[in-house]
Amino acid sequence: MTVSRRSLWLLCGFVAAAAVAVVLVPVWIIQPFRPQSPGGLQTALLLRRISPFLTVAAVLLVGYAAVRLWRASRWWWKGLLAVMLLLTGGSVWAARQNHFEWMFQPLHGAKYAAARAATFVEATDLVIAVTRNGEAAAYPIRQLAYHHIVQDVVGGVPIAVTY
């Protein structure tokens, strides 16, 4: 059975776009400080789980189509094939990255202020409070929502505060 060149080009384009989408959709859905619906979150997490497998299948399909199309293609079509292969290959790499670690960096070496000097904390802001060996510290949840973890020492005890 022979596959037409047009079918191979359509396969290449569709599969390359799908490989990029399966990686970018979870990034778009799960953003800091943006509400997510339960269904959207479920979709994003499903795509994160299956994207490593789908992207490998995608690069194999695009590679197959590119090999079949390469010889009979002009240089600009070869360039388009190369771009599709790069996008699909990039999606294989991106599917194995945890972009959440890039977005939510731990807060190392945080600067601390006495309660009366902490003007950036409103009286109604929620905090996580820790008391150890007579020393107390409070960590605003609004800031923890972005950094997710603060490493500190309270009362001589190293702690990791997370939210």
Protein backbone atom coordinates (compact mmCIF):
# COMPACT_ATOMS: atom_id res chain seq x y z
CA MET A 1 0.00 0.00 0.00
CA THR A 2 1.45 3.35 -0.97
CA VAL A 3 0.77 6.45 1.02
CA SER A 4 0.39 9.67 -0.93
CA ARG A 5 2.82 12.55 -0.40
CA ARG A 6 -0.10 14.73 0.62
CA SER A 7 -1.09 12.23 3.32
CA LEU A 8 2.48 12.14 4.61
CA TRP A 9 2.63 15.95 4.77
CA LEU A 10 -0.69 16.03 6.62
CA LEU A 11 0.54 13.32 8.99
CA CYS A 12 3.75 15.29 9.63
CA GLY A 13 1.95 18.54 10.33
CA PHE A 14 -0.79 17.06 12.48
CA VAL A 15 1.52 14.86 14.55
CA ALA A 16 4.08 17.65 15.09
CA ALA A 17 1.32 20.04 16.22
CA ALA A 18 -0.17 17.37 18.50
CA ALA A 19 3.24 16.66 20.06
CA VAL A 20 3.74 20.33 20.86
CA ALA A 21 0.15 20.68 22.13
CA VAL A 22 0.35 17.67 24.47
CA VAL A 23 3.27 19.42 26.22
CA LEU A 24 2.00 23.02 26.14
CA VAL A 25 -1.63 22.47 27.16
CA PRO A 26 -0.75 21.45 30.76
CA VAL A 27 1.59 24.46 31.01
CA TRP A 28 -1.22 26.74 29.87
CA ILE A 29 -3.84 25.19 32.19
CA ILE A 30 -1.72 25.00 35.35
CA GLN A 31 -0.46 28.53 35.96
CA PRO A 32 0.38 30.16 39.27
CA PHE A 33 -2.32 32.38 40.73
CA ARG A 34 -4.83 31.37 38.06
CA PRO A 35 -7.86 29.27 38.98
CA GLN A 36 -8.23 25.87 37.36
CA SER A 37 -11.39 23.85 37.00
CA PRO A 38 -11.35 20.25 38.27
CA GLY A 39 -11.86 18.98 34.70
CA GLY A 40 -9.09 21.19 33.32
CA LEU A 41 -6.71 20.09 36.05
CA GLN A 42 -7.59 16.44 35.44
CA THR A 43 -6.92 16.90 31.70
CA ALA A 44 -3.61 18.66 32.35
CA LEU A 45 -2.39 15.96 34.72
CA LEU A 46 -3.43 13.21 32.31
CA LEU A 47 -1.51 14.89 29.48
CA ARG A 48 1.54 15.30 31.76
CA ARG A 49 1.41 11.58 32.53
CA ILE A 50 1.08 10.34 28.94
CA SER A 51 3.11 13.00 27.11
CA PRO A 52 6.47 11.17 27.44
CA PHE A 53 5.04 8.21 25.52
CA LEU A 54 3.01 10.22 23.00
CA THR A 55 5.94 12.45 22.08
CA VAL A 56 8.23 9.48 21.38
CA ALA A 57 5.56 7.98 19.12
CA ALA A 58 5.18 11.40 17.47
CA VAL A 59 8.88 11.83 16.72
CA LEU A 60 8.98 8.34 15.24
CA LEU A 61 5.99 9.07 12.98
CA VAL A 62 7.33 12.47 11.88
CA GLY A 63 10.75 10.90 11.31
CA TYR A 64 9.22 8.17 9.16
CA ALA A 65 7.26 10.68 7.11
CA ALA A 66 10.30 12.98 6.78
CA VAL A 67 12.47 10.14 5.47
CA ARG A 68 9.81 9.23 2.91
CA LEU A 69 9.36 12.87 1.81
CA TRP A 70 12.97 14.09 1.92
CA ARG A 71 14.31 12.96 -1.47
CA ALA A 72 11.54 14.34 -3.63
CA SER A 73 11.26 17.65 -1.74
CA ARG A 74 12.70 21.02 -2.65
CA TRP A 75 14.96 22.80 -0.18
CA TRP A 76 12.18 24.91 1.40
CA TRP A 77 10.07 21.79 1.98
CA LYS A 78 13.11 20.12 3.50
CA GLY A 79 13.41 23.14 5.77
CA LEU A 80 9.79 22.70 6.84
CA LEU A 81 10.43 19.01 7.51
CA ALA A 82 13.46 19.95 9.62
CA VAL A 83 11.37 22.44 11.62
CA MET A 84 8.69 19.82 12.25
CA LEU A 85 11.34 17.33 13.36
CA LEU A 86 12.89 19.92 15.68
CA LEU A 87 9.52 20.82 17.20
CA THR A 88 8.62 17.18 17.69
CA GLY A 89 12.06 16.33 19.07
CA GLY A 90 11.84 19.34 21.39
CA SER A 91 8.50 18.09 22.65
CA VAL A 92 10.15 14.76 23.56
CA TRP A 93 12.61 16.69 25.75
CA ALA A 94 9.97 19.07 27.16
CA ALA A 95 7.65 16.18 28.09
CA ARG A 96 10.34 14.95 30.47
CA GLN A 97 10.86 18.30 32.21
CA ASN A 98 9.07 19.50 35.31
CA HIS A 99 8.23 23.08 34.43
CA PHE A 100 6.62 23.52 37.84
CA GLU A 101 10.10 23.46 39.37
CA TRP A 102 11.01 26.33 37.05
CA MET A 103 7.95 28.36 38.07
CA PHE A 104 8.09 27.73 41.82
CA GLN A 105 11.60 28.35 43.03
CA PRO A 106 12.42 27.78 46.72
CA LEU A 107 13.14 30.98 48.59
CA HIS A 108 16.77 30.64 49.70
CA GLY A 109 18.38 33.23 51.94
CA ALA A 110 15.13 35.05 52.61
CA LYS A 111 15.32 38.43 54.31
CA TYR A 112 13.28 38.62 57.47
CA ALA A 113 11.61 41.57 59.15
CA ALA A 114 10.22 42.15 62.60
CA ALA A 115 6.43 41.98 62.68
CA ARG A 116 6.05 45.76 63.09
CA ALA A 117 8.39 46.38 60.12
CA ALA A 118 6.67 43.90 57.79
CA THR A 119 4.47 46.46 56.05
CA PHE A 120 3.95 44.13 53.07
CA VAL A 121 1.84 41.82 55.27
CA GLU A 122 -1.74 42.95 55.85
CA ALA A 123 -3.40 42.37 59.22
CA THR A 124 -5.87 39.99 57.53
CA ASP A 125 -3.22 37.95 55.66
CA LEU A 126 -2.94 34.31 56.62
CA VAL A 127 0.46 33.14 57.87
CA ILE A 128 2.07 29.90 58.92
CA ALA A 129 3.58 30.44 62.35
CA VAL A 130 6.41 28.40 63.86
CA THR A 131 7.67 28.57 67.44
CA ARG A 132 10.84 26.74 68.45
CA ASN A 133 12.94 27.13 71.60
CA GLY A 134 11.40 30.48 72.48
CA GLU A 135 11.83 31.96 68.98
CA ALA A 136 8.86 32.58 66.66
CA ALA A 137 8.57 33.22 62.92
CA ALA A 138 5.61 33.73 60.59
CA TYR A 139 5.53 33.07 56.85
CA PRO A 140 2.84 34.80 54.73
CA ILE A 141 0.85 32.26 52.74
CA ARG A 142 0.55 34.74 49.85
CA GLN A 143 4.33 34.50 49.36
CA LEU A 144 4.48 30.77 50.02
CA ALA A 145 1.88 30.27 47.30
CA TYR A 146 4.53 31.34 44.81
CA HIS A 147 7.73 29.94 46.29
CA HIS A 148 6.10 26.88 47.92
CA ILE A 149 9.01 26.35 50.28
CA VAL A 150 11.16 28.47 52.56
CA GLN A 151 14.20 27.06 54.30
CA ASP A 152 14.88 28.72 57.62
CA VAL A 153 16.29 28.20 61.10
CA VAL A 154 13.95 28.93 64.01
CA GLY A 155 15.24 28.57 67.56
CA GLY A 156 18.37 26.88 66.26
CA VAL A 157 16.39 24.20 64.41
CA PRO A 158 16.55 24.02 60.59
CA ILE A 159 13.04 23.90 59.12
CA ALA A 160 11.39 23.83 55.72
CA VAL A 161 8.09 25.70 55.60
CA THR A 162 5.84 24.71 52.74
CA TYR A 163 2.35 25.37 51.49
